[in-house]
N, C-alpha and C. Protein backbone atom coordinates (compact mmCIF):
# COMPACT_ATOMS: atom_id res chain seq x y z
N MET A 1 0.84 -1.17 0.00
CA MET A 1 0.00 0.00 0.00
C MET A 1 0.89 1.24 0.00
N TYR A 2 0.53 2.20 -0.79
CA TYR A 2 1.27 3.45 -0.89
C TYR A 2 0.62 4.50 -0.02
N ARG A 3 1.44 5.20 0.76
CA ARG A 3 0.96 6.33 1.55
C ARG A 3 1.89 7.50 1.33
N HIS A 4 1.33 8.67 1.39
CA HIS A 4 2.11 9.89 1.18
C HIS A 4 2.77 10.33 2.49
N PHE A 5 3.97 10.88 2.35
CA PHE A 5 4.66 11.47 3.49
C PHE A 5 5.39 12.73 2.99
N PRO A 6 4.62 13.80 2.75
CA PRO A 6 5.18 15.02 2.15
C PRO A 6 5.89 15.91 3.16
N PHE A 7 7.07 15.52 3.56
CA PHE A 7 7.77 16.23 4.63
C PHE A 7 8.70 17.33 4.13
N ILE A 8 8.80 17.52 2.82
CA ILE A 8 9.79 18.45 2.29
C ILE A 8 9.24 19.87 2.14
N GLY A 9 7.96 20.06 2.27
CA GLY A 9 7.40 21.40 2.16
C GLY A 9 6.19 21.43 1.24
N ASN A 10 5.73 22.64 0.94
CA ASN A 10 4.50 22.83 0.17
C ASN A 10 4.53 22.09 -1.16
N GLU A 11 5.66 22.11 -1.86
CA GLU A 11 5.74 21.44 -3.15
C GLU A 11 5.45 19.95 -3.02
N SER A 12 5.95 19.32 -1.98
CA SER A 12 5.71 17.89 -1.84
C SER A 12 4.25 17.60 -1.51
N TRP A 13 3.60 18.51 -0.80
CA TRP A 13 2.17 18.36 -0.53
C TRP A 13 1.37 18.44 -1.82
N ARG A 14 1.69 19.42 -2.66
CA ARG A 14 0.96 19.58 -3.92
C ARG A 14 1.22 18.40 -4.86
N ALA A 15 2.45 17.90 -4.86
CA ALA A 15 2.76 16.73 -5.70
C ALA A 15 1.98 15.51 -5.23
N ALA A 16 1.82 15.36 -3.91
CA ALA A 16 1.03 14.25 -3.38
C ALA A 16 -0.43 14.39 -3.81
N GLU A 17 -0.97 15.59 -3.71
CA GLU A 17 -2.35 15.81 -4.16
C GLU A 17 -2.48 15.53 -5.65
N ALA A 18 -1.51 15.98 -6.43
CA ALA A 18 -1.55 15.78 -7.88
C ALA A 18 -1.54 14.30 -8.22
N SER A 19 -0.76 13.52 -7.47
CA SER A 19 -0.72 12.08 -7.76
C SER A 19 -2.06 11.42 -7.48
N GLU A 20 -2.78 11.90 -6.49
CA GLU A 20 -4.12 11.38 -6.22
C GLU A 20 -5.09 11.77 -7.33
N CYS A 21 -4.92 12.97 -7.88
CA CYS A 21 -5.74 13.38 -9.02
C CYS A 21 -5.43 12.49 -10.22
N ALA A 22 -4.18 12.12 -10.39
CA ALA A 22 -3.80 11.20 -11.47
C ALA A 22 -4.41 9.82 -11.23
N ALA A 23 -4.49 9.41 -9.96
CA ALA A 23 -5.06 8.10 -9.63
C ALA A 23 -6.53 8.02 -10.05
N GLU A 24 -7.22 9.15 -10.02
CA GLU A 24 -8.61 9.18 -10.49
C GLU A 24 -8.71 8.71 -11.94
N GLN A 25 -7.63 8.90 -12.68
CA GLN A 25 -7.61 8.53 -14.09
C GLN A 25 -6.77 7.27 -14.31
N ASN A 26 -6.55 6.52 -13.23
CA ASN A 26 -5.79 5.27 -13.28
C ASN A 26 -4.36 5.46 -13.81
N ARG A 27 -3.74 6.57 -13.42
CA ARG A 27 -2.38 6.88 -13.87
C ARG A 27 -1.46 7.23 -12.70
N PHE A 28 -1.78 6.73 -11.52
CA PHE A 28 -1.00 7.08 -10.33
C PHE A 28 0.48 6.76 -10.52
N HIS A 29 0.79 5.51 -10.87
CA HIS A 29 2.20 5.11 -10.93
C HIS A 29 2.96 5.83 -12.04
N GLU A 30 2.31 6.04 -13.17
CA GLU A 30 2.96 6.77 -14.26
C GLU A 30 3.25 8.21 -13.83
N TYR A 31 2.29 8.81 -13.13
CA TYR A 31 2.47 10.19 -12.68
C TYR A 31 3.59 10.27 -11.64
N GLU A 32 3.56 9.38 -10.66
CA GLU A 32 4.60 9.38 -9.62
C GLU A 32 5.98 9.20 -10.23
N GLU A 33 6.10 8.32 -11.21
CA GLU A 33 7.39 8.12 -11.86
C GLU A 33 7.86 9.41 -12.53
N THR A 34 6.95 10.10 -13.19
CA THR A 34 7.30 11.38 -13.83
C THR A 34 7.74 12.40 -12.79
N VAL A 35 7.05 12.45 -11.67
CA VAL A 35 7.41 13.38 -10.60
C VAL A 35 8.82 13.07 -10.08
N TYR A 36 9.08 11.80 -9.78
CA TYR A 36 10.39 11.44 -9.23
C TYR A 36 11.52 11.67 -10.23
N LEU A 37 11.27 11.41 -11.50
CA LEU A 37 12.30 11.63 -12.52
C LEU A 37 12.63 13.10 -12.71
N ASN A 38 11.72 13.98 -12.32
CA ASN A 38 11.93 15.42 -12.50
C ASN A 38 12.30 16.14 -11.22
N TRP A 39 12.65 15.41 -10.18
CA TRP A 39 13.03 16.03 -8.92
C TRP A 39 14.49 16.45 -8.97
N ASN A 40 14.75 17.70 -8.63
CA ASN A 40 16.12 18.22 -8.65
C ASN A 40 16.52 18.86 -7.33
N GLY A 41 15.79 18.60 -6.28
CA GLY A 41 16.13 19.17 -4.99
C GLY A 41 14.90 19.71 -4.30
N GLU A 42 15.06 19.92 -3.02
CA GLU A 42 13.94 20.35 -2.20
C GLU A 42 13.50 21.77 -2.53
N ASN A 43 12.21 21.93 -2.77
CA ASN A 43 11.58 23.23 -2.95
C ASN A 43 12.34 24.14 -3.92
N GLN A 44 12.70 23.56 -5.07
CA GLN A 44 13.41 24.30 -6.11
C GLN A 44 12.49 24.78 -7.22
N GLY A 45 11.19 24.50 -7.09
CA GLY A 45 10.24 24.94 -8.10
C GLY A 45 9.82 23.87 -9.08
N GLU A 46 10.47 22.70 -9.03
CA GLU A 46 10.12 21.63 -9.96
C GLU A 46 8.69 21.16 -9.77
N PHE A 47 8.16 21.26 -8.55
CA PHE A 47 6.81 20.79 -8.27
C PHE A 47 5.84 21.95 -8.07
N SER A 48 6.08 23.03 -8.79
CA SER A 48 5.11 24.13 -8.80
C SER A 48 3.83 23.61 -9.43
N ASP A 49 2.73 24.27 -9.20
CA ASP A 49 1.47 23.84 -9.81
C ASP A 49 1.58 23.79 -11.32
N ALA A 50 2.28 24.75 -11.91
CA ALA A 50 2.42 24.78 -13.37
C ALA A 50 3.18 23.55 -13.86
N ASN A 51 4.26 23.20 -13.17
CA ASN A 51 5.03 22.02 -13.57
C ASN A 51 4.28 20.73 -13.31
N LEU A 52 3.55 20.67 -12.21
CA LEU A 52 2.76 19.47 -11.94
C LEU A 52 1.72 19.26 -13.04
N ARG A 53 1.20 20.36 -13.57
CA ARG A 53 0.24 20.25 -14.68
C ARG A 53 0.93 19.76 -15.95
N VAL A 54 2.17 20.21 -16.19
CA VAL A 54 2.94 19.71 -17.33
C VAL A 54 3.14 18.20 -17.18
N PHE A 55 3.44 17.75 -15.97
CA PHE A 55 3.61 16.32 -15.74
C PHE A 55 2.30 15.57 -16.03
N ALA A 56 1.18 16.20 -15.67
CA ALA A 56 -0.13 15.60 -15.96
C ALA A 56 -0.32 15.44 -17.46
N GLU A 57 0.08 16.46 -18.19
CA GLU A 57 -0.02 16.39 -19.66
C GLU A 57 0.91 15.31 -20.21
N MET A 58 2.14 15.26 -19.69
CA MET A 58 3.11 14.26 -20.13
C MET A 58 2.61 12.84 -19.86
N THR A 59 1.85 12.69 -18.80
CA THR A 59 1.35 11.38 -18.38
C THR A 59 0.08 11.00 -19.13
N GLY A 60 -0.46 11.93 -19.90
CA GLY A 60 -1.65 11.64 -20.69
C GLY A 60 -2.96 11.80 -19.95
N LEU A 61 -2.95 12.62 -18.90
CA LEU A 61 -4.19 12.83 -18.15
C LEU A 61 -5.13 13.76 -18.91
N PHE A 62 -6.42 13.62 -18.64
CA PHE A 62 -7.40 14.58 -19.13
C PHE A 62 -7.24 15.83 -18.28
N LEU A 63 -6.77 16.90 -18.89
CA LEU A 63 -6.37 18.08 -18.12
C LEU A 63 -7.53 18.80 -17.46
N ASN A 64 -8.70 18.82 -18.08
CA ASN A 64 -9.84 19.46 -17.43
C ASN A 64 -10.18 18.77 -16.11
N GLN A 65 -10.20 17.45 -16.13
CA GLN A 65 -10.48 16.69 -14.91
C GLN A 65 -9.38 16.91 -13.88
N TYR A 66 -8.13 16.89 -14.33
CA TYR A 66 -6.99 17.14 -13.44
C TYR A 66 -7.09 18.53 -12.81
N ASP A 67 -7.36 19.55 -13.64
CA ASP A 67 -7.46 20.93 -13.14
C ASP A 67 -8.56 21.06 -12.09
N ASP A 68 -9.72 20.46 -12.36
CA ASP A 68 -10.82 20.51 -11.40
C ASP A 68 -10.42 19.86 -10.08
N CYS A 69 -9.76 18.74 -10.18
CA CYS A 69 -9.32 18.01 -8.99
C CYS A 69 -8.34 18.86 -8.17
N MET A 70 -7.35 19.42 -8.83
CA MET A 70 -6.32 20.19 -8.13
C MET A 70 -6.89 21.47 -7.52
N SER A 71 -7.80 22.12 -8.22
CA SER A 71 -8.32 23.38 -7.69
C SER A 71 -9.25 23.16 -6.50
N SER A 72 -9.79 21.97 -6.37
CA SER A 72 -10.71 21.68 -5.27
C SER A 72 -10.00 21.24 -3.98
N ASN A 73 -8.73 20.87 -4.08
CA ASN A 73 -7.98 20.33 -2.93
C ASN A 73 -8.69 19.12 -2.33
N LYS A 74 -9.36 18.36 -3.15
CA LYS A 74 -10.18 17.25 -2.64
C LYS A 74 -9.38 16.16 -1.96
N TYR A 75 -8.07 16.07 -2.21
CA TYR A 75 -7.26 15.02 -1.59
C TYR A 75 -6.36 15.53 -0.47
N LEU A 76 -6.48 16.79 -0.12
CA LEU A 76 -5.64 17.34 0.94
C LEU A 76 -5.85 16.59 2.26
N ALA A 77 -7.08 16.28 2.60
CA ALA A 77 -7.35 15.56 3.85
C ALA A 77 -6.74 14.16 3.82
N LYS A 78 -6.77 13.49 2.68
CA LYS A 78 -6.17 12.15 2.57
C LYS A 78 -4.65 12.24 2.75
N VAL A 79 -4.04 13.21 2.10
CA VAL A 79 -2.60 13.40 2.22
C VAL A 79 -2.24 13.72 3.67
N GLN A 80 -3.02 14.57 4.32
CA GLN A 80 -2.78 14.90 5.73
C GLN A 80 -2.90 13.66 6.60
N ALA A 81 -3.92 12.84 6.37
CA ALA A 81 -4.12 11.61 7.15
C ALA A 81 -2.94 10.65 6.95
N ASP A 82 -2.47 10.52 5.70
CA ASP A 82 -1.30 9.67 5.44
C ASP A 82 -0.09 10.18 6.20
N PHE A 83 0.12 11.49 6.16
CA PHE A 83 1.25 12.09 6.86
C PHE A 83 1.15 11.86 8.37
N ASP A 84 -0.03 12.09 8.92
CA ASP A 84 -0.23 11.90 10.36
C ASP A 84 -0.01 10.45 10.76
N ASP A 85 -0.52 9.51 9.96
CA ASP A 85 -0.32 8.09 10.24
C ASP A 85 1.17 7.72 10.18
N GLY A 86 1.86 8.26 9.20
CA GLY A 86 3.29 7.99 9.07
C GLY A 86 4.07 8.52 10.25
N THR A 87 3.76 9.73 10.66
CA THR A 87 4.43 10.32 11.82
C THR A 87 4.19 9.47 13.06
N ALA A 88 2.95 9.05 13.27
CA ALA A 88 2.62 8.22 14.43
C ALA A 88 3.34 6.86 14.39
N ALA A 89 3.61 6.36 13.18
CA ALA A 89 4.27 5.06 13.04
C ALA A 89 5.80 5.16 13.08
N GLY A 90 6.33 6.38 13.17
CA GLY A 90 7.78 6.54 13.27
C GLY A 90 8.47 6.85 11.96
N VAL A 91 7.73 7.14 10.92
CA VAL A 91 8.34 7.49 9.64
C VAL A 91 8.99 8.85 9.75
N ASN A 92 10.22 8.98 9.20
CA ASN A 92 10.88 10.27 9.19
C ASN A 92 11.64 10.52 7.89
N SER A 93 11.44 9.62 6.90
CA SER A 93 12.08 9.80 5.60
C SER A 93 11.29 9.04 4.55
N THR A 94 11.61 9.31 3.31
CA THR A 94 11.04 8.54 2.22
C THR A 94 12.19 8.01 1.36
N PRO A 95 12.03 6.86 0.82
CA PRO A 95 10.92 5.96 1.10
C PRO A 95 11.08 5.29 2.45
N THR A 96 9.99 4.84 3.01
CA THR A 96 10.00 4.01 4.21
C THR A 96 9.10 2.82 3.93
N ILE A 97 9.61 1.66 4.23
CA ILE A 97 8.88 0.42 3.99
C ILE A 97 8.71 -0.29 5.33
N PHE A 98 7.53 -0.84 5.54
CA PHE A 98 7.27 -1.66 6.72
C PHE A 98 7.21 -3.11 6.27
N LEU A 99 8.04 -3.94 6.86
CA LEU A 99 8.08 -5.35 6.49
C LEU A 99 8.05 -6.18 7.76
N ASN A 100 6.94 -6.86 7.98
CA ASN A 100 6.75 -7.65 9.21
C ASN A 100 7.00 -6.83 10.46
N GLY A 101 6.52 -5.60 10.44
CA GLY A 101 6.65 -4.74 11.61
C GLY A 101 7.97 -4.00 11.71
N GLU A 102 8.93 -4.31 10.85
CA GLU A 102 10.22 -3.63 10.86
C GLU A 102 10.16 -2.41 9.94
N ILE A 103 10.67 -1.29 10.42
CA ILE A 103 10.74 -0.08 9.61
C ILE A 103 12.05 -0.09 8.85
N ILE A 104 11.96 0.01 7.54
CA ILE A 104 13.14 0.10 6.69
C ILE A 104 13.08 1.47 6.02
N GLY A 105 13.85 2.40 6.55
CA GLY A 105 13.78 3.78 6.08
C GLY A 105 14.92 4.15 5.17
N GLY A 106 14.67 5.13 4.33
CA GLY A 106 15.69 5.65 3.45
C GLY A 106 15.85 4.83 2.18
N LEU A 107 16.50 5.41 1.23
CA LEU A 107 16.69 4.77 -0.07
C LEU A 107 17.82 3.76 0.03
N ARG A 108 17.54 2.54 -0.42
CA ARG A 108 18.54 1.47 -0.43
C ARG A 108 18.62 0.91 -1.83
N ASP A 109 19.70 0.19 -2.09
CA ASP A 109 19.79 -0.47 -3.39
C ASP A 109 18.93 -1.73 -3.38
N TYR A 110 18.68 -2.26 -4.53
CA TYR A 110 17.81 -3.42 -4.68
C TYR A 110 18.26 -4.58 -3.78
N GLY A 111 19.54 -4.82 -3.72
CA GLY A 111 20.06 -5.93 -2.91
C GLY A 111 19.70 -5.80 -1.44
N GLY A 112 19.72 -4.57 -0.92
CA GLY A 112 19.36 -4.35 0.48
C GLY A 112 17.91 -4.70 0.75
N TYR A 113 17.03 -4.34 -0.15
CA TYR A 113 15.61 -4.70 0.00
C TYR A 113 15.42 -6.20 -0.16
N ARG A 114 16.11 -6.77 -1.13
CA ARG A 114 15.96 -8.20 -1.40
C ARG A 114 16.32 -9.04 -0.18
N VAL A 115 17.41 -8.70 0.47
CA VAL A 115 17.83 -9.43 1.67
C VAL A 115 16.75 -9.37 2.73
N LYS A 116 16.21 -8.18 2.97
CA LYS A 116 15.17 -8.02 3.99
C LYS A 116 13.91 -8.80 3.62
N ILE A 117 13.53 -8.79 2.36
CA ILE A 117 12.34 -9.53 1.93
C ILE A 117 12.57 -11.03 2.07
N GLU A 118 13.73 -11.51 1.70
CA GLU A 118 14.02 -12.95 1.82
C GLU A 118 14.05 -13.38 3.29
N GLN A 119 14.57 -12.54 4.16
CA GLN A 119 14.56 -12.84 5.59
C GLN A 119 13.13 -12.92 6.11
N ALA A 120 12.30 -11.98 5.69
CA ALA A 120 10.89 -11.99 6.13
C ALA A 120 10.16 -13.22 5.60
N LEU A 121 10.42 -13.59 4.37
CA LEU A 121 9.78 -14.79 3.82
C LEU A 121 10.22 -16.05 4.57
N ALA A 122 11.48 -16.12 4.94
CA ALA A 122 11.98 -17.27 5.69
C ALA A 122 11.30 -17.38 7.05
N GLU A 123 11.05 -16.21 7.66
CA GLU A 123 10.41 -16.19 8.99
C GLU A 123 8.97 -16.71 8.95
N VAL A 124 8.29 -16.46 7.84
CA VAL A 124 6.89 -16.91 7.74
C VAL A 124 6.76 -18.23 6.98
N GLY A 125 7.88 -18.81 6.62
CA GLY A 125 7.85 -20.11 5.95
C GLY A 125 7.58 -20.03 4.46
N GLY A 126 7.87 -18.87 3.85
CA GLY A 126 7.60 -18.68 2.42
C GLY A 126 8.78 -18.99 1.62
């Protein structure tokens, strides 16, 4: 399950909302990939509303529906709830993965995740 944790500032909050608007059009993962590929640093303007709309266009979203969604802030409460839940669970970075109750925070290489997943599978007999 994917949850938002927009801890970097206003731009990350708007990007989280935009990804939910993309999800309405079944393009969540494509949109998120576009957002991550275009990240160049914290609050540098890459995730301005104008740029998020360009990403929506690049992802093939229906822009009228996207614009209506973004202007309504209809997913702000969901993003806030995700953030609050993450904070309560001890999240302090992204990505953070929970595996059998263990918090695996920060970006790791594939091998690091694979080892943890194989250990968890061994514990449950998988």
